[in-house]
Amino acid sequence: MASSGMDTNLIPLFPLDTVLFPDGYLPLQIFEVRYLDMIKRAVAAGTGFGVVTLVQGTEVRLPERAETLAAIGTLAVIGASATPMAGLMQIQCSGGARFRVVSSERLKTGLWMAEVAPIAADQIVPVPDELEDVADALGNLIRTLQDEEVPSAEMPLQAPFRLDECGWVANRWAELLPLSTDEKLRLLVLDNPLLRLELIQDALHERGVL
């Protein structure tokens, strides 16, 4: 894989039928050999891996199905791991920095490696008054889950709850709402957290949440 000459990193990829946003929560059960080896190395080295959305293909490798990956992804940071039995790992990850895939290659083992260019983190933009209802609705959802005593490992949103930041609120709703993969990827790539939150407000109105 040739270097592009820009500021890039070489990382392993984990293609999934989901879109991981920065600060999102991602619990995974790993049983495929290609990913067991990758996760073991990542845990030992204290490094992460890239989560990219499968545009075509399946999470479990099938010889007759080609895999097409999205051109943007998010670094997954492993927070906890366990091996309840041989051939199975359980990990809890959080979303880190976004990145663009510059080039990618699938190895003989089936593992994808990619040269990626990091995308700058969202600027911290306070939630304006006209979008406060979006943050309030998310806060109500968090309180409901807490009142129901949902275990921390099963909470779809993890503390700290930054309900005063456009990017954090927009990203959490983007994960929770039943949006299409294309819609989620368009939100992920936006570099304006205020615009992202405005689009989320529209989606909440369309679904009668607000």
N, C-alpha and C. Protein backbone atom coordinates (compact mmCIF):
# COMPACT_ATOMS: atom_id res chain seq x y z
N MET A 1 0.85 -1.18 0.00
CA MET A 1 0.00 0.00 0.00
C MET A 1 0.89 1.24 0.00
N ALA A 2 0.87 2.01 -1.05
CA ALA A 2 1.76 3.16 -1.18
C ALA A 2 1.29 4.31 -0.31
N SER A 3 2.27 5.08 0.21
CA SER A 3 1.93 6.24 1.03
C SER A 3 1.43 7.37 0.15
N SER A 4 0.45 8.14 0.68
CA SER A 4 -0.13 9.24 -0.09
C SER A 4 0.65 10.53 0.05
N GLY A 5 1.58 10.59 1.02
CA GLY A 5 2.34 11.81 1.24
C GLY A 5 1.67 12.78 2.18
N MET A 6 0.42 12.52 2.60
CA MET A 6 -0.25 13.39 3.55
C MET A 6 -0.12 12.80 4.96
N ASP A 7 -0.64 13.51 5.94
CA ASP A 7 -0.57 13.06 7.33
C ASP A 7 -1.56 11.91 7.52
N THR A 8 -1.06 10.69 7.47
CA THR A 8 -1.94 9.53 7.52
C THR A 8 -1.41 8.50 8.52
N ASN A 9 -2.27 7.55 8.84
CA ASN A 9 -1.92 6.44 9.72
C ASN A 9 -2.39 5.14 9.09
N LEU A 10 -1.68 4.06 9.37
CA LEU A 10 -2.07 2.73 8.90
C LEU A 10 -2.75 2.01 10.06
N ILE A 11 -4.02 1.64 9.88
CA ILE A 11 -4.77 1.00 10.95
C ILE A 11 -5.58 -0.18 10.41
N PRO A 12 -5.91 -1.16 11.28
CA PRO A 12 -6.83 -2.22 10.88
C PRO A 12 -8.26 -1.70 10.90
N LEU A 13 -9.09 -2.25 10.04
CA LEU A 13 -10.49 -1.83 9.95
C LEU A 13 -11.41 -2.96 10.39
N PHE A 14 -12.52 -2.57 10.98
CA PHE A 14 -13.58 -3.51 11.36
C PHE A 14 -14.85 -3.04 10.66
N PRO A 15 -15.21 -3.63 9.51
CA PRO A 15 -16.43 -3.22 8.81
C PRO A 15 -17.67 -3.73 9.55
N LEU A 16 -18.63 -2.85 9.78
CA LEU A 16 -19.84 -3.20 10.52
C LEU A 16 -21.07 -2.61 9.84
N ASP A 17 -22.23 -3.19 10.16
CA ASP A 17 -23.50 -2.66 9.65
C ASP A 17 -24.00 -1.55 10.57
N THR A 18 -23.13 -0.65 10.93
CA THR A 18 -23.51 0.45 11.81
C THR A 18 -22.58 1.62 11.53
N VAL A 19 -22.94 2.78 12.06
CA VAL A 19 -22.11 3.98 11.95
C VAL A 19 -21.73 4.40 13.36
N LEU A 20 -20.44 4.41 13.65
CA LEU A 20 -19.95 4.83 14.96
C LEU A 20 -19.60 6.31 14.91
N PHE A 21 -20.13 7.06 15.87
CA PHE A 21 -19.85 8.49 15.97
C PHE A 21 -18.86 8.74 17.11
N PRO A 22 -18.12 9.84 17.06
CA PRO A 22 -17.23 10.18 18.17
C PRO A 22 -17.99 10.19 19.50
N ASP A 23 -17.39 9.59 20.52
CA ASP A 23 -17.95 9.47 21.87
C ASP A 23 -19.12 8.49 21.94
N GLY A 24 -19.38 7.78 20.85
CA GLY A 24 -20.44 6.77 20.89
C GLY A 24 -19.99 5.52 21.62
N TYR A 25 -20.95 4.70 22.01
CA TYR A 25 -20.68 3.47 22.75
C TYR A 25 -20.91 2.28 21.84
N LEU A 26 -19.93 1.38 21.79
CA LEU A 26 -20.01 0.23 20.88
C LEU A 26 -19.55 -1.04 21.59
N PRO A 27 -20.48 -1.86 22.11
CA PRO A 27 -20.10 -3.17 22.65
C PRO A 27 -20.08 -4.18 21.51
N LEU A 28 -19.08 -5.05 21.50
CA LEU A 28 -18.94 -6.03 20.43
C LEU A 28 -18.60 -7.40 20.99
N GLN A 29 -19.10 -8.43 20.30
CA GLN A 29 -18.68 -9.81 20.57
C GLN A 29 -17.88 -10.27 19.36
N ILE A 30 -16.66 -10.69 19.60
CA ILE A 30 -15.74 -11.04 18.52
C ILE A 30 -15.53 -12.55 18.50
N PHE A 31 -15.76 -13.16 17.33
CA PHE A 31 -15.54 -14.61 17.23
C PHE A 31 -14.83 -15.02 15.95
N GLU A 32 -14.78 -14.12 14.95
CA GLU A 32 -14.03 -14.45 13.73
C GLU A 32 -12.53 -14.35 14.00
N VAL A 33 -11.78 -15.32 13.47
CA VAL A 33 -10.34 -15.38 13.74
C VAL A 33 -9.64 -14.09 13.33
N ARG A 34 -10.02 -13.53 12.17
CA ARG A 34 -9.33 -12.32 11.67
C ARG A 34 -9.48 -11.16 12.65
N TYR A 35 -10.61 -11.10 13.34
CA TYR A 35 -10.83 -10.00 14.28
C TYR A 35 -10.36 -10.34 15.68
N LEU A 36 -10.40 -11.61 16.06
CA LEU A 36 -9.85 -12.01 17.36
C LEU A 36 -8.38 -11.65 17.45
N ASP A 37 -7.62 -11.97 16.42
CA ASP A 37 -6.19 -11.65 16.41
C ASP A 37 -5.98 -10.13 16.45
N MET A 38 -6.78 -9.40 15.69
CA MET A 38 -6.65 -7.95 15.64
C MET A 38 -6.93 -7.33 17.01
N ILE A 39 -8.01 -7.77 17.66
CA ILE A 39 -8.39 -7.20 18.95
C ILE A 39 -7.38 -7.57 20.02
N LYS A 40 -6.88 -8.79 20.00
CA LYS A 40 -5.87 -9.19 20.98
C LYS A 40 -4.63 -8.31 20.87
N ARG A 41 -4.21 -8.03 19.64
CA ARG A 41 -3.04 -7.17 19.44
C ARG A 41 -3.34 -5.74 19.89
N ALA A 42 -4.55 -5.27 19.60
CA ALA A 42 -4.91 -3.90 19.97
C ALA A 42 -4.97 -3.75 21.49
N VAL A 43 -5.53 -4.74 22.18
CA VAL A 43 -5.60 -4.69 23.65
C VAL A 43 -4.20 -4.71 24.24
N ALA A 44 -3.34 -5.59 23.71
CA ALA A 44 -1.98 -5.71 24.23
C ALA A 44 -1.18 -4.42 24.02
N ALA A 45 -1.41 -3.76 22.88
CA ALA A 45 -0.64 -2.56 22.54
C ALA A 45 -1.30 -1.27 23.02
N GLY A 46 -2.54 -1.38 23.49
CA GLY A 46 -3.26 -0.19 23.92
C GLY A 46 -3.66 0.71 22.76
N THR A 47 -3.88 0.11 21.60
CA THR A 47 -4.27 0.87 20.42
C THR A 47 -5.72 0.55 20.06
N GLY A 48 -6.24 1.27 19.09
CA GLY A 48 -7.61 1.04 18.66
C GLY A 48 -7.67 0.44 17.26
N PHE A 49 -8.82 0.56 16.65
CA PHE A 49 -9.02 0.09 15.28
C PHE A 49 -10.09 0.97 14.66
N GLY A 50 -10.18 0.91 13.34
CA GLY A 50 -11.14 1.75 12.64
C GLY A 50 -12.45 1.03 12.40
N VAL A 51 -13.55 1.69 12.70
CA VAL A 51 -14.87 1.16 12.38
C VAL A 51 -15.37 1.87 11.13
N VAL A 52 -15.65 1.11 10.10
CA VAL A 52 -16.20 1.65 8.86
C VAL A 52 -17.50 0.91 8.55
N THR A 53 -18.39 1.60 7.90
CA THR A 53 -19.69 1.02 7.57
C THR A 53 -19.59 0.17 6.31
N LEU A 54 -20.23 -0.98 6.36
CA LEU A 54 -20.31 -1.85 5.19
C LEU A 54 -21.36 -1.29 4.23
N VAL A 55 -20.92 -0.83 3.09
CA VAL A 55 -21.84 -0.37 2.05
C VAL A 55 -22.39 -1.57 1.30
N GLN A 56 -21.56 -2.59 1.15
CA GLN A 56 -21.96 -3.85 0.51
C GLN A 56 -21.24 -4.98 1.21
N GLY A 57 -21.95 -6.10 1.42
CA GLY A 57 -21.34 -7.24 2.07
C GLY A 57 -21.97 -7.51 3.43
N THR A 58 -21.40 -8.48 4.15
CA THR A 58 -21.93 -8.88 5.44
C THR A 58 -20.83 -8.84 6.49
N GLU A 59 -21.24 -8.67 7.77
CA GLU A 59 -20.25 -8.60 8.84
C GLU A 59 -19.47 -9.90 8.96
N VAL A 60 -20.17 -11.03 8.85
CA VAL A 60 -19.50 -12.33 8.86
C VAL A 60 -19.07 -12.64 7.44
N ARG A 61 -17.81 -12.94 7.28
CA ARG A 61 -17.24 -13.09 5.94
C ARG A 61 -17.85 -14.27 5.20
N LEU A 62 -18.30 -14.00 3.97
CA LEU A 62 -18.81 -15.03 3.07
C LEU A 62 -17.98 -14.98 1.79
N PRO A 63 -17.41 -16.12 1.38
CA PRO A 63 -16.51 -16.12 0.22
C PRO A 63 -17.13 -15.54 -1.04
N GLU A 64 -18.45 -15.74 -1.21
CA GLU A 64 -19.07 -15.31 -2.46
C GLU A 64 -19.54 -13.86 -2.42
N ARG A 65 -19.40 -13.18 -1.28
CA ARG A 65 -19.88 -11.81 -1.15
C ARG A 65 -18.72 -10.83 -1.06
N ALA A 66 -18.68 -9.90 -2.00
CA ALA A 66 -17.66 -8.85 -1.95
C ALA A 66 -18.01 -7.83 -0.87
N GLU A 67 -17.00 -7.19 -0.32
CA GLU A 67 -17.21 -6.17 0.70
C GLU A 67 -16.82 -4.81 0.14
N THR A 68 -17.72 -3.85 0.25
CA THR A 68 -17.44 -2.47 -0.11
C THR A 68 -17.58 -1.62 1.14
N LEU A 69 -16.57 -0.81 1.42
CA LEU A 69 -16.52 -0.05 2.66
C LEU A 69 -16.80 1.43 2.41
N ALA A 70 -17.40 2.08 3.41
CA ALA A 70 -17.59 3.52 3.34
C ALA A 70 -16.23 4.22 3.35
N ALA A 71 -16.19 5.42 2.82
CA ALA A 71 -14.93 6.16 2.70
C ALA A 71 -14.60 6.96 3.94
N ILE A 72 -15.47 6.91 4.94
CA ILE A 72 -15.24 7.62 6.19
C ILE A 72 -15.55 6.69 7.34
N GLY A 73 -14.81 6.83 8.44
CA GLY A 73 -15.03 5.96 9.59
C GLY A 73 -14.63 6.67 10.87
N THR A 74 -14.63 5.90 11.96
CA THR A 74 -14.32 6.44 13.28
C THR A 74 -13.41 5.47 14.01
N LEU A 75 -12.41 6.00 14.68
CA LEU A 75 -11.53 5.16 15.48
C LEU A 75 -12.28 4.63 16.69
N ALA A 76 -12.16 3.34 16.95
CA ALA A 76 -12.76 2.72 18.14
C ALA A 76 -11.68 2.53 19.19
N VAL A 77 -11.93 3.06 20.38
CA VAL A 77 -11.00 2.95 21.50
C VAL A 77 -11.53 1.89 22.45
N ILE A 78 -10.74 0.85 22.72
CA ILE A 78 -11.19 -0.26 23.57
C ILE A 78 -11.07 0.14 25.03
N GLY A 79 -12.21 0.11 25.74
CA GLY A 79 -12.21 0.48 27.15
C GLY A 79 -12.15 -0.70 28.08
N ALA A 80 -12.76 -1.81 27.69
CA ALA A 80 -12.78 -3.02 28.52
C ALA A 80 -12.87 -4.22 27.61
N SER A 81 -12.30 -5.34 28.05
CA SER A 81 -12.34 -6.57 27.26
C SER A 81 -12.41 -7.77 28.18
N ALA A 82 -13.02 -8.83 27.68
CA ALA A 82 -13.14 -10.07 28.45
C ALA A 82 -13.16 -11.23 27.47
N THR A 83 -12.70 -12.39 27.94
CA THR A 83 -12.72 -13.62 27.14
C THR A 83 -13.51 -14.67 27.92
N PRO A 84 -14.84 -14.70 27.76
CA PRO A 84 -15.65 -15.63 28.54
C PRO A 84 -15.43 -17.09 28.18
N MET A 85 -14.96 -17.33 26.96
CA MET A 85 -14.66 -18.71 26.54
C MET A 85 -13.68 -18.66 25.38
N ALA A 86 -13.08 -19.79 25.09
CA ALA A 86 -12.13 -19.85 23.97
C ALA A 86 -12.83 -19.48 22.67
N GLY A 87 -12.20 -18.62 21.89
CA GLY A 87 -12.76 -18.24 20.60
C GLY A 87 -13.80 -17.15 20.67
N LEU A 88 -13.96 -16.52 21.84
CA LEU A 88 -14.94 -15.44 21.97
C LEU A 88 -14.36 -14.33 22.84
N MET A 89 -14.41 -13.11 22.34
CA MET A 89 -14.02 -11.94 23.12
C MET A 89 -15.18 -10.96 23.17
N GLN A 90 -15.35 -10.33 24.31
CA GLN A 90 -16.34 -9.27 24.46
C GLN A 90 -15.60 -7.98 24.78
N ILE A 91 -15.87 -6.94 24.02
CA ILE A 91 -15.19 -5.67 24.23
C ILE A 91 -16.21 -4.54 24.29
N GLN A 92 -15.83 -3.49 25.01
CA GLN A 92 -16.62 -2.27 25.07
C GLN A 92 -15.75 -1.15 24.51
N CYS A 93 -16.24 -0.49 23.49
CA CYS A 93 -15.46 0.54 22.81
C CYS A 93 -16.18 1.88 22.85
N SER A 94 -15.41 2.93 22.69
CA SER A 94 -15.97 4.27 22.53
C SER A 94 -15.42 4.87 21.25
N GLY A 95 -16.21 5.74 20.64
CA GLY A 95 -15.80 6.36 19.40
C GLY A 95 -14.78 7.45 19.62
N GLY A 96 -13.72 7.42 18.84
CA GLY A 96 -12.68 8.44 18.91
C GLY A 96 -12.76 9.38 17.73
N ALA A 97 -11.63 9.64 17.11
CA ALA A 97 -11.57 10.59 15.99
C ALA A 97 -12.15 9.99 14.72
N ARG A 98 -12.75 10.85 13.91
CA ARG A 98 -13.19 10.43 12.58
C ARG A 98 -11.98 10.41 11.63
N PHE A 99 -12.12 9.66 10.55
CA PHE A 99 -11.05 9.62 9.55
C PHE A 99 -11.63 9.36 8.17
N ARG A 100 -10.84 9.72 7.17
CA ARG A 100 -11.15 9.38 5.78
C ARG A 100 -10.22 8.25 5.34
N VAL A 101 -10.77 7.30 4.61
CA VAL A 101 -9.96 6.20 4.09
C VAL A 101 -9.26 6.68 2.82
N VAL A 102 -7.94 6.73 2.86
CA VAL A 102 -7.14 7.14 1.71
C VAL A 102 -6.95 5.96 0.76
N SER A 103 -6.61 4.81 1.32
CA SER A 103 -6.48 3.57 0.54
C SER A 103 -6.69 2.40 1.48
N SER A 104 -7.13 1.29 0.94
CA SER A 104 -7.37 0.11 1.78
C SER A 104 -7.02 -1.15 1.02
N GLU A 105 -6.74 -2.19 1.79
CA GLU A 105 -6.33 -3.47 1.20
C GLU A 105 -6.80 -4.59 2.11
N ARG A 106 -7.38 -5.62 1.52
CA ARG A 106 -7.78 -6.78 2.32
C ARG A 106 -6.67 -7.83 2.25
N LEU A 107 -6.17 -8.22 3.40
CA LEU A 107 -5.09 -9.20 3.47
C LEU A 107 -5.61 -10.60 3.20
N LYS A 108 -4.69 -11.55 3.05
CA LYS A 108 -5.10 -12.93 2.79
C LYS A 108 -5.92 -13.50 3.94
N THR A 109 -5.71 -12.99 5.14
CA THR A 109 -6.48 -13.44 6.31
C THR A 109 -7.91 -12.93 6.30
N GLY A 110 -8.19 -11.98 5.40
CA GLY A 110 -9.52 -11.37 5.36
C GLY A 110 -9.59 -10.05 6.10
N LEU A 111 -8.53 -9.72 6.84
CA LEU A 111 -8.51 -8.46 7.60
C LEU A 111 -8.23 -7.29 6.66
N TRP A 112 -8.99 -6.22 6.85
CA TRP A 112 -8.76 -5.00 6.09
C TRP A 112 -7.76 -4.11 6.81
N MET A 113 -6.79 -3.59 6.06
CA MET A 113 -5.87 -2.57 6.56
C MET A 113 -6.08 -1.33 5.70
N ALA A 114 -5.95 -0.16 6.32
CA ALA A 114 -6.19 1.07 5.56
C ALA A 114 -5.25 2.18 5.98
N GLU A 115 -4.89 2.98 5.01
CA GLU A 115 -4.20 4.23 5.28
C GLU A 115 -5.29 5.28 5.44
N VAL A 116 -5.33 5.94 6.58
CA VAL A 116 -6.42 6.87 6.87
C VAL A 116 -5.86 8.24 7.23
N ALA A 117 -6.64 9.26 6.91
CA ALA A 117 -6.30 10.64 7.26
C ALA A 117 -7.30 11.13 8.30
N PRO A 118 -6.81 11.58 9.46
CA PRO A 118 -7.73 12.02 10.50
C PRO A 118 -8.53 13.25 10.10
N ILE A 119 -9.76 13.32 10.60
CA ILE A 119 -10.63 14.48 10.42
C ILE A 119 -10.65 15.24 11.74
N ALA A 120 -10.55 16.55 11.67
CA ALA A 120 -10.51 17.37 12.88
C ALA A 120 -11.76 17.15 13.72
N ALA A 121 -11.59 17.16 15.03
CA ALA A 121 -12.72 17.01 15.95
C ALA A 121 -13.65 18.21 15.84
N ASP A 122 -14.91 17.99 16.20
CA ASP A 122 -15.87 19.09 16.21
C ASP A 122 -15.39 20.22 17.10
N GLN A 123 -15.63 21.44 16.67
CA GLN A 123 -15.47 22.57 17.57
C GLN A 123 -16.57 22.51 18.62
N ILE A 124 -16.28 22.97 19.82
CA ILE A 124 -17.30 22.98 20.88
C ILE A 124 -18.22 24.17 20.65
N VAL A 125 -19.46 23.86 20.25
CA VAL A 125 -20.45 24.89 19.97
C VAL A 125 -21.61 24.72 20.95
N PRO A 126 -21.90 25.71 21.78
CA PRO A 126 -23.01 25.59 22.72
C PRO A 126 -24.34 25.42 21.99
N VAL A 127 -25.25 24.67 22.59
CA VAL A 127 -26.59 24.49 22.01
C VAL A 127 -27.35 25.81 22.10
N PRO A 128 -27.78 26.38 20.97
CA PRO A 128 -28.52 27.65 21.01
C PRO A 128 -29.96 27.45 21.50
N ASP A 129 -30.60 28.53 21.87
CA ASP A 129 -31.95 28.45 22.43
C ASP A 129 -32.92 27.75 21.49
N GLU A 130 -32.81 28.01 20.18
CA GLU A 130 -33.77 27.44 19.24
C GLU A 130 -33.60 25.93 19.04
N LEU A 131 -32.50 25.37 19.56
CA LEU A 131 -32.29 23.92 19.47
C LEU A 131 -32.29 23.26 20.84
N GLU A 132 -32.65 24.02 21.86
CA GLU A 132 -32.62 23.50 23.22
C GLU A 132 -33.58 22.32 23.40
N ASP A 133 -34.68 22.29 22.62
CA ASP A 133 -35.63 21.19 22.77
C ASP A 133 -35.00 19.85 22.39
N VAL A 134 -34.01 19.87 21.49
CA VAL A 134 -33.33 18.63 21.09
C VAL A 134 -32.51 18.09 22.25
N ALA A 135 -31.79 18.98 22.92
CA ALA A 135 -30.99 18.58 24.08
C ALA A 135 -31.88 18.15 25.24
N ASP A 136 -32.99 18.88 25.45
CA ASP A 136 -33.91 18.53 26.55
C ASP A 136 -34.50 17.14 26.35
N ALA A 137 -34.87 16.82 25.10
CA ALA A 137 -35.45 15.50 24.82
C ALA A 137 -34.43 14.40 25.09
N LEU A 138 -33.17 14.66 24.75
CA LEU A 138 -32.13 13.66 25.01
C LEU A 138 -31.91 13.52 26.51
N GLY A 139 -31.91 14.64 27.23
CA GLY A 139 -31.77 14.58 28.67
C GLY A 139 -32.89 13.80 29.32
N ASN A 140 -34.11 13.97 28.82
CA ASN A 140 -35.25 13.21 29.36
C ASN A 140 -35.08 11.72 29.11
N LEU A 141 -34.56 11.36 27.94
CA LEU A 141 -34.32 9.95 27.63
C LEU A 141 -33.28 9.36 28.58
N ILE A 142 -32.22 10.11 28.82
CA ILE A 142 -31.17 9.63 29.73
C ILE A 142 -31.74 9.41 31.13
N ARG A 143 -32.54 10.37 31.60
CA ARG A 143 -33.13 10.23 32.94
C ARG A 143 -34.07 9.03 33.01
N THR A 144 -34.82 8.79 31.94
CA THR A 144 -35.71 7.63 31.91
C THR A 144 -34.92 6.33 32.02
N LEU A 145 -33.83 6.22 31.27
CA LEU A 145 -33.00 5.02 31.33
C LEU A 145 -32.39 4.85 32.71
N GLN A 146 -31.98 5.95 33.32
CA GLN A 146 -31.41 5.88 34.67
C GLN A 146 -32.47 5.48 35.69
N ASP A 147 -33.68 6.01 35.54
CA ASP A 147 -34.77 5.65 36.46
C ASP A 147 -35.13 4.17 36.34
N GLU A 148 -34.97 3.63 35.13
CA GLU A 148 -35.25 2.21 34.91
C GLU A 148 -34.08 1.33 35.34
N GLU A 149 -33.01 1.97 35.84
CA GLU A 149 -31.82 1.28 36.34
C GLU A 149 -31.21 0.34 35.30
N VAL A 150 -31.14 0.86 34.07
CA VAL A 150 -30.47 0.11 33.00
C VAL A 150 -28.99 0.00 33.36
N PRO A 151 -28.43 -1.22 33.34
CA PRO A 151 -27.01 -1.37 33.68
C PRO A 151 -26.12 -0.51 32.79
N SER A 152 -25.04 -0.02 33.36
CA SER A 152 -24.14 0.88 32.63
C SER A 152 -23.67 0.27 31.31
N ALA A 153 -23.35 -1.03 31.33
CA ALA A 153 -22.83 -1.68 30.12
C ALA A 153 -23.89 -1.80 29.03
N GLU A 154 -25.18 -1.62 29.40
CA GLU A 154 -26.26 -1.72 28.43
C GLU A 154 -26.82 -0.36 28.04
N MET A 155 -26.31 0.70 28.66
CA MET A 155 -26.78 2.05 28.33
C MET A 155 -26.30 2.43 26.94
N PRO A 156 -27.19 2.86 26.06
CA PRO A 156 -26.75 3.26 24.72
C PRO A 156 -25.98 4.58 24.71
N LEU A 157 -26.06 5.33 25.82
CA LEU A 157 -25.31 6.58 25.95
C LEU A 157 -24.47 6.51 27.20
N GLN A 158 -23.23 6.93 27.08
CA GLN A 158 -22.30 6.84 28.19
C GLN A 158 -21.91 8.23 28.69
N ALA A 159 -21.74 8.34 30.01
CA ALA A 159 -21.29 9.60 30.61
C ALA A 159 -19.84 9.89 30.16
N PRO A 160 -19.42 11.14 30.18
CA PRO A 160 -20.17 12.34 30.62
C PRO A 160 -21.20 12.78 29.59
N PHE A 161 -22.35 13.24 30.09
CA PHE A 161 -23.45 13.66 29.23
C PHE A 161 -23.30 15.16 28.93
N ARG A 162 -22.80 15.47 27.75
CA ARG A 162 -22.49 16.86 27.40
C ARG A 162 -23.69 17.47 26.66
N LEU A 163 -24.76 17.67 27.40
CA LEU A 163 -26.02 18.12 26.81
C LEU A 163 -26.00 19.58 26.38
N ASP A 164 -24.91 20.27 26.67
CA ASP A 164 -24.80 21.68 26.27
C ASP A 164 -23.98 21.86 25.00
N GLU A 165 -23.54 20.75 24.38
CA GLU A 165 -22.70 20.82 23.18
C GLU A 165 -23.46 20.31 21.96
N CYS A 166 -23.48 21.11 20.90
CA CYS A 166 -24.19 20.72 19.67
C CYS A 166 -23.72 19.38 19.12
N GLY A 167 -22.40 19.21 19.02
CA GLY A 167 -21.86 17.99 18.41
C GLY A 167 -22.23 16.75 19.19
N TRP A 168 -22.09 16.80 20.51
CA TRP A 168 -22.37 15.61 21.32
C TRP A 168 -23.84 15.24 21.25
N VAL A 169 -24.73 16.23 21.37
CA VAL A 169 -26.17 15.96 21.32
C VAL A 169 -26.57 15.42 19.95
N ALA A 170 -26.06 16.04 18.89
CA ALA A 170 -26.40 15.59 17.54
C ALA A 170 -25.92 14.17 17.29
N ASN A 171 -24.71 13.86 17.74
CA ASN A 171 -24.16 12.52 17.51
C ASN A 171 -24.95 11.45 18.23
N ARG A 172 -25.39 11.75 19.46
CA ARG A 172 -26.14 10.74 20.20
C ARG A 172 -27.49 10.47 19.53
N TRP A 173 -28.17 11.52 19.09
CA TRP A 173 -29.44 11.30 18.40
C TRP A 173 -29.22 10.58 17.07
N ALA A 174 -28.13 10.88 16.39
CA ALA A 174 -27.83 10.22 15.11
C ALA A 174 -27.68 8.72 15.30
N GLU A 175 -27.13 8.31 16.44
CA GLU A 175 -26.99 6.89 16.75
C GLU A 175 -28.33 6.26 17.10
N LEU A 176 -29.18 7.00 17.80
CA LEU A 176 -30.41 6.44 18.34
C LEU A 176 -31.55 6.39 17.33
N LEU A 177 -31.62 7.38 16.45
CA LEU A 177 -32.74 7.46 15.52
C LEU A 177 -32.63 6.41 14.41
N PRO A 178 -33.78 5.91 13.92
CA PRO A 178 -33.76 4.91 12.84
C PRO A 178 -33.52 5.56 11.48
N LEU A 179 -32.38 6.20 11.34
CA LEU A 179 -32.02 6.83 10.07
C LEU A 179 -31.39 5.80 9.15
N SER A 180 -31.42 6.08 7.86
CA SER A 180 -30.75 5.19 6.91
C SER A 180 -29.24 5.31 7.08
N THR A 181 -28.53 4.31 6.59
CA THR A 181 -27.07 4.36 6.66
C THR A 181 -26.52 5.58 5.93
N ASP A 182 -27.09 5.89 4.77
CA ASP A 182 -26.63 7.06 4.02
C ASP A 182 -26.84 8.34 4.81
N GLU A 183 -27.99 8.45 5.49
CA GLU A 183 -28.26 9.65 6.30
C GLU A 183 -27.26 9.77 7.44
N LYS A 184 -26.96 8.65 8.08
CA LYS A 184 -26.00 8.69 9.19
C LYS A 184 -24.60 9.06 8.71
N LEU A 185 -24.21 8.52 7.57
CA LEU A 185 -22.89 8.85 7.03
C LEU A 185 -22.80 10.32 6.64
N ARG A 186 -23.89 10.87 6.11
CA ARG A 186 -23.88 12.30 5.77
C ARG A 186 -23.74 13.15 7.03
N LEU A 187 -24.37 12.72 8.12
CA LEU A 187 -24.23 13.45 9.38
C LEU A 187 -22.81 13.31 9.93
N LEU A 188 -22.25 12.12 9.82
CA LEU A 188 -20.91 11.87 10.34
C LEU A 188 -19.87 12.76 9.66
N VAL A 189 -20.02 12.96 8.36
CA VAL A 189 -19.00 13.69 7.60
C VAL A 189 -19.12 15.20 7.76
N LEU A 190 -20.26 15.69 8.25
CA LEU A 190 -20.44 17.13 8.41
C LEU A 190 -19.43 17.70 9.40
N ASP A 191 -18.80 18.80 9.02
CA ASP A 191 -17.83 19.41 9.93
C ASP A 191 -18.43 20.56 10.73
N ASN A 192 -19.73 20.78 10.59
CA ASN A 192 -20.42 21.85 11.31
C ASN A 192 -21.40 21.23 12.31
N PRO A 193 -21.05 21.19 13.60
CA PRO A 193 -21.93 20.54 14.58
C PRO A 193 -23.27 21.24 14.74
N LEU A 194 -23.32 22.55 14.51
CA LEU A 194 -24.59 23.26 14.61
C LEU A 194 -25.54 22.82 13.50
N LEU A 195 -25.03 22.71 12.28
CA LEU A 195 -25.85 22.24 11.16
C LEU A 195 -26.29 20.80 11.41
N ARG A 196 -25.41 19.97 11.95
CA ARG A 196 -25.76 18.58 12.25
C ARG A 196 -26.94 18.53 13.23
N LEU A 197 -26.90 19.40 14.23
CA LEU A 197 -27.97 19.41 15.22
C LEU A 197 -29.27 19.94 14.62
N GLU A 198 -29.19 20.90 13.72
CA GLU A 198 -30.39 21.40 13.05
C GLU A 198 -31.05 20.29 12.23
N LEU A 199 -30.24 19.48 11.55
CA LEU A 199 -30.78 18.37 10.76
C LEU A 199 -31.40 17.32 11.67
N ILE A 200 -30.80 17.10 12.83
CA ILE A 200 -31.37 16.17 13.80
C ILE A 200 -32.71 16.68 14.31
N GLN A 201 -32.80 17.99 14.56
CA GLN A 201 -34.08 18.57 15.00
C GLN A 201 -35.17 18.32 13.95
N ASP A 202 -34.82 18.50 12.68
CA ASP A 202 -35.78 18.23 11.60
C ASP A 202 -36.22 16.77 11.64
N ALA A 203 -35.27 15.85 11.83
CA ALA A 203 -35.59 14.42 11.87
C ALA A 203 -36.49 14.09 13.06
N LEU A 204 -36.26 14.73 14.19
CA LEU A 204 -37.09 14.50 15.37
C LEU A 204 -38.51 15.02 15.16
N HIS A 205 -38.63 16.17 14.49
CA HIS A 205 -39.96 16.70 14.18
C HIS A 205 -40.70 15.77 13.23
N GLU A 206 -39.99 15.27 12.22
CA GLU A 206 -40.61 14.38 11.24
C GLU A 206 -41.15 13.11 11.89
N ARG A 207 -40.49 12.68 12.96
CA ARG A 207 -40.89 11.43 13.63
C ARG A 207 -41.78 11.67 14.84
N GLY A 208 -42.18 12.92 15.05
CA GLY A 208 -43.09 13.23 16.14
C GLY A 208 -42.47 13.16 17.52
N VAL A 209 -41.15 13.16 17.59
CA VAL A 209 -40.48 13.12 18.90
C VAL A 209 -40.54 14.50 19.55
N LEU A 210 -40.49 15.55 18.74
CA LEU A 210 -40.59 16.92 19.24
C LEU A 210 -41.93 17.53 18.82
